């Protein structure tokens, strides 16, 4: 082989090596795009949602597992909108401040859509219509609002129930005790430290139904109009509001919402 042939062979080898390298890089690039595409497809937006843990049937724990109507509604919406929910348990009166401080993205705990709350947080479309009830002991002489003269009324801090309790206490010269959770409110009633508890009708009816014949409670008087419940969302998160509304509508259109409602509120 002469020098010219050797040179040609050498150049050909260089060209072949370069071509192989280019092809390898191209294939590697395609492979990387596929991996990234798959990864992005699997990646879900994470949201932190505040919730109480002691307000059945809306939110409560069974064997340390959070469940309830509100919880299942949010989880179902999240599934439809590719969201991952990280639950953050807190007291009810800490929920709105947490949303204002952007410590959580959203909240659900039978939260009424009220004008004062709309000034500081956003809400989804309503998903539940509620009402307030007076609750007393079975052997109590109280039969309704007219019997509240001078009585002690218990309600939960930061709720519409507390607003009504203050109104009735002023009207009937009564006193109001503000507490943090349902269990403590009913304990005050059973220990004769209070005469009446004001709470959301669905929650009271659920408790009495669950306790059955052992229940010491009864609902008296008329049901007071309350507000609709909505999913509370931090201000400035209009995109999340849209996702929640869209997901909620999908649940209603598919019949899943009715299934969950009947699961927790069927007679």
Protein backbone atom coordinates (compact mmCIF):
# COMPACT_ATOMS: atom_id res chain seq x y z
CA UNK A 1 0.00 0.00 0.00
CA UNK A 2 1.45 3.38 -1.02
CA UNK A 3 1.41 6.57 0.99
CA UNK A 4 -1.59 7.96 -0.90
CA UNK A 5 -3.65 4.84 -0.19
CA UNK A 6 -2.66 4.89 3.49
CA UNK A 7 -3.70 8.54 3.75
CA UNK A 8 -7.07 7.84 2.11
CA UNK A 9 -7.71 4.89 4.43
CA UNK A 10 -6.83 6.99 7.47
CA UNK A 11 -9.17 9.80 6.41
CA UNK A 12 -11.98 7.30 5.81
CA UNK A 13 -11.51 5.89 9.30
CA UNK A 14 -11.68 9.38 10.81
CA UNK A 15 -14.88 10.12 8.88
CA UNK A 16 -16.44 6.83 10.00
CA UNK A 17 -15.55 7.48 13.65
CA UNK A 18 -17.03 10.97 13.43
CA UNK A 19 -20.23 9.65 11.86
CA UNK A 20 -20.56 6.98 14.53
CA UNK A 21 -20.08 9.64 17.22
CA UNK A 22 -22.70 11.92 15.69
CA UNK A 23 -25.21 9.07 15.41
CA UNK A 24 -24.52 8.01 19.00
CA UNK A 25 -25.05 11.55 20.27
CA UNK A 26 -28.27 11.87 18.28
CA UNK A 27 -29.60 8.61 19.69
CA UNK A 28 -28.60 9.63 23.20
CA UNK A 29 -30.41 12.93 22.73
CA UNK A 30 -33.58 11.16 21.59
CA UNK A 31 -33.38 8.81 24.54
CA UNK A 32 -32.96 11.71 26.95
CA UNK A 33 -35.98 13.48 25.45
CA UNK A 34 -38.08 10.36 25.93
CA UNK A 35 -37.00 10.00 29.58
CA UNK A 36 -37.70 13.65 30.30
CA UNK A 37 -41.04 13.41 28.56
CA UNK A 38 -42.01 10.38 30.58
CA UNK A 39 -40.80 12.02 33.78
CA UNK A 40 -42.76 15.19 33.10
CA UNK A 41 -45.80 13.08 32.35
CA UNK A 42 -45.51 11.40 35.74
CA UNK A 43 -44.78 14.59 37.67
CA UNK A 44 -47.84 16.02 39.38
CA UNK A 45 -48.27 19.45 40.88
CA UNK A 46 -48.14 19.19 44.66
CA UNK A 47 -50.50 21.23 46.79
CA UNK A 48 -50.70 21.54 50.57
CA UNK A 49 -54.27 21.47 51.87
CA UNK A 50 -55.20 22.43 55.43
CA UNK A 51 -57.82 20.32 57.19
CA UNK A 52 -59.14 19.60 60.68
CA UNK A 53 -59.23 15.98 61.80
CA UNK A 54 -62.22 15.85 64.13
CA UNK A 55 -65.30 16.98 62.24
CA UNK A 56 -67.19 13.92 60.96
CA UNK A 57 -68.59 13.25 58.47
CA UNK A 58 -66.58 15.93 56.67
CA UNK A 59 -63.10 15.10 57.95
CA UNK A 60 -61.99 12.60 60.57
CA UNK A 61 -59.58 9.73 61.11
CA UNK A 62 -60.17 5.98 60.94
CA UNK A 63 -57.20 3.90 62.12
CA UNK A 64 -55.00 7.01 61.76
CA UNK A 65 -56.14 7.40 58.13
CA UNK A 66 -57.70 10.74 57.20
CA UNK A 67 -61.09 10.37 55.53
CA UNK A 68 -64.49 12.05 55.24
CA UNK A 69 -66.67 13.73 52.65
CA UNK A 70 -64.43 16.79 52.21
CA UNK A 71 -61.29 14.68 52.07
CA UNK A 72 -62.66 12.35 49.42
CA UNK A 73 -63.96 15.27 47.34
CA UNK A 74 -60.53 16.93 47.26
CA UNK A 75 -58.74 13.65 46.56
CA UNK A 76 -61.12 12.93 43.67
CA UNK A 77 -60.59 16.41 42.22
CA UNK A 78 -56.82 15.98 42.57
CA UNK A 79 -56.93 12.71 40.66
CA UNK A 80 -58.79 14.34 37.78
CA UNK A 81 -56.48 17.37 37.66
CA UNK A 82 -53.12 15.56 38.16
CA UNK A 83 -52.53 17.05 41.60
CA UNK A 84 -50.82 15.47 44.58
CA UNK A 85 -52.39 16.46 47.91
CA UNK A 86 -50.27 16.88 51.03
CA UNK A 87 -52.65 17.23 53.97
CA UNK A 88 -51.77 19.58 56.83
CA UNK A 89 -53.87 19.06 59.96
CA UNK A 90 -54.59 22.14 62.05
CA UNK A 91 -57.22 23.81 64.22
CA UNK A 92 -60.11 25.44 62.39
CA UNK A 93 -59.36 28.97 63.53
CA UNK A 94 -55.82 28.66 62.15
CA UNK A 95 -56.90 27.80 58.61
CA UNK A 96 -57.66 31.25 57.18
CA UNK A 97 -54.48 32.80 58.69
CA UNK A 98 -52.45 29.93 57.20
CA UNK A 99 -53.93 30.66 53.77
CA UNK A 100 -53.19 34.37 54.15
CA UNK A 101 -49.57 33.59 55.07
CA UNK A 102 -49.26 31.17 52.12
CA UNK A 103 -48.37 28.35 54.51
CA UNK A 104 -50.92 26.21 52.65
CA UNK A 105 -52.34 26.38 49.14
CA UNK A 106 -55.93 25.44 49.95
CA UNK A 107 -58.16 24.31 52.78
CA UNK A 108 -61.27 22.21 53.23
CA UNK A 109 -63.13 21.72 56.51
CA UNK A 110 -66.79 22.63 56.01
CA UNK A 111 -65.66 26.22 55.43
CA UNK A 112 -68.52 28.61 54.79
CA UNK A 113 -68.21 31.08 51.92
CA UNK A 114 -68.63 34.39 53.75
CA UNK A 115 -68.04 38.00 52.73
CA UNK A 116 -65.38 38.56 55.39
CA UNK A 117 -63.46 35.48 54.25
CA UNK A 118 -63.78 36.42 50.58
CA UNK A 119 -61.85 39.59 51.38
CA UNK A 120 -58.75 37.60 52.33
CA UNK A 121 -58.98 34.26 50.48
CA UNK A 122 -60.49 32.83 47.31
CA UNK A 123 -63.11 30.10 47.19
CA UNK A 124 -64.09 27.41 44.75
CA UNK A 125 -67.68 27.13 43.61
CA UNK A 126 -69.99 25.91 46.41
CA UNK A 127 -70.17 22.15 46.91
CA UNK A 128 -72.42 21.83 49.99
CA UNK A 129 -75.38 23.74 51.44
CA UNK A 130 -75.48 23.67 55.22
CA UNK A 131 -77.48 24.98 58.18
CA UNK A 132 -77.00 25.45 61.92
CA UNK A 133 -78.80 23.62 64.72
CA UNK A 134 -79.28 23.90 68.47
CA UNK A 135 -78.19 20.75 70.29
CA UNK A 136 -78.97 19.88 73.88
CA UNK A 137 -79.28 16.82 76.12
CA UNK A 138 -82.23 14.46 75.82
CA UNK A 139 -83.50 15.31 79.30
CA UNK A 140 -83.11 19.08 78.86
CA UNK A 141 -86.19 21.31 79.11
CA UNK A 142 -84.95 23.39 76.18
CA UNK A 143 -87.13 22.98 73.10
CA UNK A 144 -85.97 25.89 70.98
CA UNK A 145 -84.66 29.44 70.81
CA UNK A 146 -87.36 30.81 73.12
CA UNK A 147 -85.93 28.75 76.00
CA UNK A 148 -82.43 30.25 75.82
CA UNK A 149 -83.00 33.04 78.37
CA UNK A 150 -79.90 33.21 80.59
CA UNK A 151 -78.44 30.01 79.13
CA UNK A 152 -74.82 29.14 78.35
CA UNK A 153 -74.22 28.47 74.66
CA UNK A 154 -71.17 26.66 73.33
CA UNK A 155 -69.78 27.13 69.82
CA UNK A 156 -66.54 26.56 67.97
CA UNK A 157 -63.98 29.31 67.61
CA UNK A 158 -63.89 31.03 64.21
CA UNK A 159 -67.14 29.57 62.86
CA UNK A 160 -70.57 30.78 61.79
CA UNK A 161 -71.90 28.86 64.80
CA UNK A 162 -70.03 31.27 67.07
CA UNK A 163 -71.54 34.26 65.29
CA UNK A 164 -75.04 32.87 65.85
CA UNK A 165 -74.19 32.02 69.47
CA UNK A 166 -73.15 35.62 70.11
CA UNK A 167 -76.38 36.92 68.54
CA UNK A 168 -78.58 34.60 70.60
CA UNK A 169 -76.66 35.28 73.81
CA UNK A 170 -77.14 39.01 73.35
CA UNK A 171 -80.83 38.55 72.54
CA UNK A 172 -81.55 36.27 75.51
CA UNK A 173 -79.02 37.54 78.09
CA UNK A 174 -76.98 34.39 77.85
CA UNK A 175 -73.29 33.54 77.90
CA UNK A 176 -71.05 32.10 75.21
CA UNK A 177 -68.23 29.61 75.62
CA UNK A 178 -65.78 29.37 72.72
CA UNK A 179 -64.02 26.04 72.22
CA UNK A 180 -61.72 24.46 69.64
CA UNK A 181 -63.30 21.12 68.77
CA UNK A 182 -66.56 19.19 68.72
CA UNK A 183 -65.59 16.60 71.31
CA UNK A 184 -64.89 19.27 73.94
CA UNK A 185 -68.13 21.11 73.13
CA UNK A 186 -70.27 18.03 73.68
CA UNK A 187 -68.31 17.20 76.83
CA UNK A 188 -69.20 20.63 78.24
CA UNK A 189 -72.84 19.83 77.55
CA UNK A 190 -72.72 16.38 79.15
CA UNK A 191 -70.87 17.75 82.19
CA UNK A 192 -73.60 20.38 82.72
CA UNK A 193 -71.18 23.23 82.03
CA UNK A 194 -73.35 24.41 79.13
CA UNK A 195 -77.00 24.28 78.13
CA UNK A 196 -76.81 24.29 74.34
CA UNK A 197 -74.29 23.62 71.59
CA UNK A 198 -74.62 25.31 68.20
CA UNK A 199 -73.11 23.35 65.35
CA UNK A 200 -73.61 22.53 61.67
CA UNK A 201 -76.69 20.38 61.19
CA UNK A 202 -75.00 17.69 59.00
CA UNK A 203 -72.29 17.10 61.60
CA UNK A 204 -74.76 16.94 64.50
CA UNK A 205 -77.15 14.62 62.66
CA UNK A 206 -74.24 12.35 61.72
CA UNK A 207 -73.03 12.13 65.33
CA UNK A 208 -76.49 11.35 66.72
CA UNK A 209 -77.02 8.73 64.03
CA UNK A 210 -73.63 7.12 64.70
CA UNK A 211 -74.18 7.06 68.47
CA UNK A 212 -77.58 5.44 67.96
CA UNK A 213 -79.55 4.59 71.09
CA UNK A 214 -76.55 5.54 73.23
CA UNK A 215 -76.72 9.17 72.13
CA UNK A 216 -77.46 11.66 74.88
CA UNK A 217 -78.06 14.46 72.38
CA UNK A 218 -81.05 15.80 70.49
CA UNK A 219 -81.63 18.61 68.02
CA UNK A 220 -84.19 21.24 69.05
CA UNK A 221 -85.90 24.12 67.30
CA UNK A 222 -85.65 25.16 63.68
CA UNK A 223 -82.57 24.86 61.51
CA UNK A 224 -80.88 28.22 60.99
CA UNK A 225 -79.83 29.17 57.49
CA UNK A 226 -76.10 29.06 57.07
CA UNK A 227 -73.77 29.53 54.13
CA UNK A 228 -72.55 27.26 51.38
CA UNK A 229 -69.28 25.42 51.84
CA UNK A 230 -66.41 25.91 49.42
CA UNK A 231 -62.75 24.98 49.06
CA UNK A 232 -60.73 27.93 50.38
CA UNK A 233 -57.69 28.90 48.30
CA UNK A 234 -54.92 31.44 48.82
CA UNK A 235 -55.28 34.81 47.11
CA UNK A 236 -53.32 35.02 43.88
CA UNK A 237 -53.86 31.34 43.08
CA UNK A 238 -56.47 31.81 40.37
CA UNK A 239 -55.06 28.84 38.47
CA UNK A 240 -55.76 26.55 41.40
CA UNK A 241 -59.27 27.98 41.76
CA UNK A 242 -59.90 27.11 38.11
CA UNK A 243 -58.57 23.57 38.58
CA UNK A 244 -60.72 23.01 41.65
CA UNK A 245 -63.84 24.31 39.91
CA UNK A 246 -63.15 22.27 36.80
CA UNK A 247 -62.49 19.11 38.81
CA UNK A 248 -65.59 19.66 40.95
CA UNK A 249 -67.74 20.02 37.85
CA UNK A 250 -66.28 16.82 36.40
CA UNK A 251 -67.23 14.99 39.61
CA UNK A 252 -70.79 16.26 39.35
CA UNK A 253 -71.08 15.46 35.64
CA UNK A 254 -69.77 11.92 36.14
CA UNK A 255 -72.05 11.14 39.08
CA UNK A 256 -69.09 10.63 41.44
CA UNK A 257 -70.13 13.61 43.55
CA UNK A 258 -73.58 12.13 44.18
CA UNK A 259 -72.02 8.79 45.08
CA UNK A 260 -69.83 10.43 47.72
CA UNK A 261 -72.72 12.53 49.02
CA UNK A 262 -74.93 9.47 49.43
CA UNK A 263 -72.07 7.61 51.11
CA UNK A 264 -71.93 10.14 53.94
CA UNK A 265 -75.37 11.74 54.08
CA UNK A 266 -77.92 9.14 53.02
CA UNK A 267 -80.69 8.69 55.55
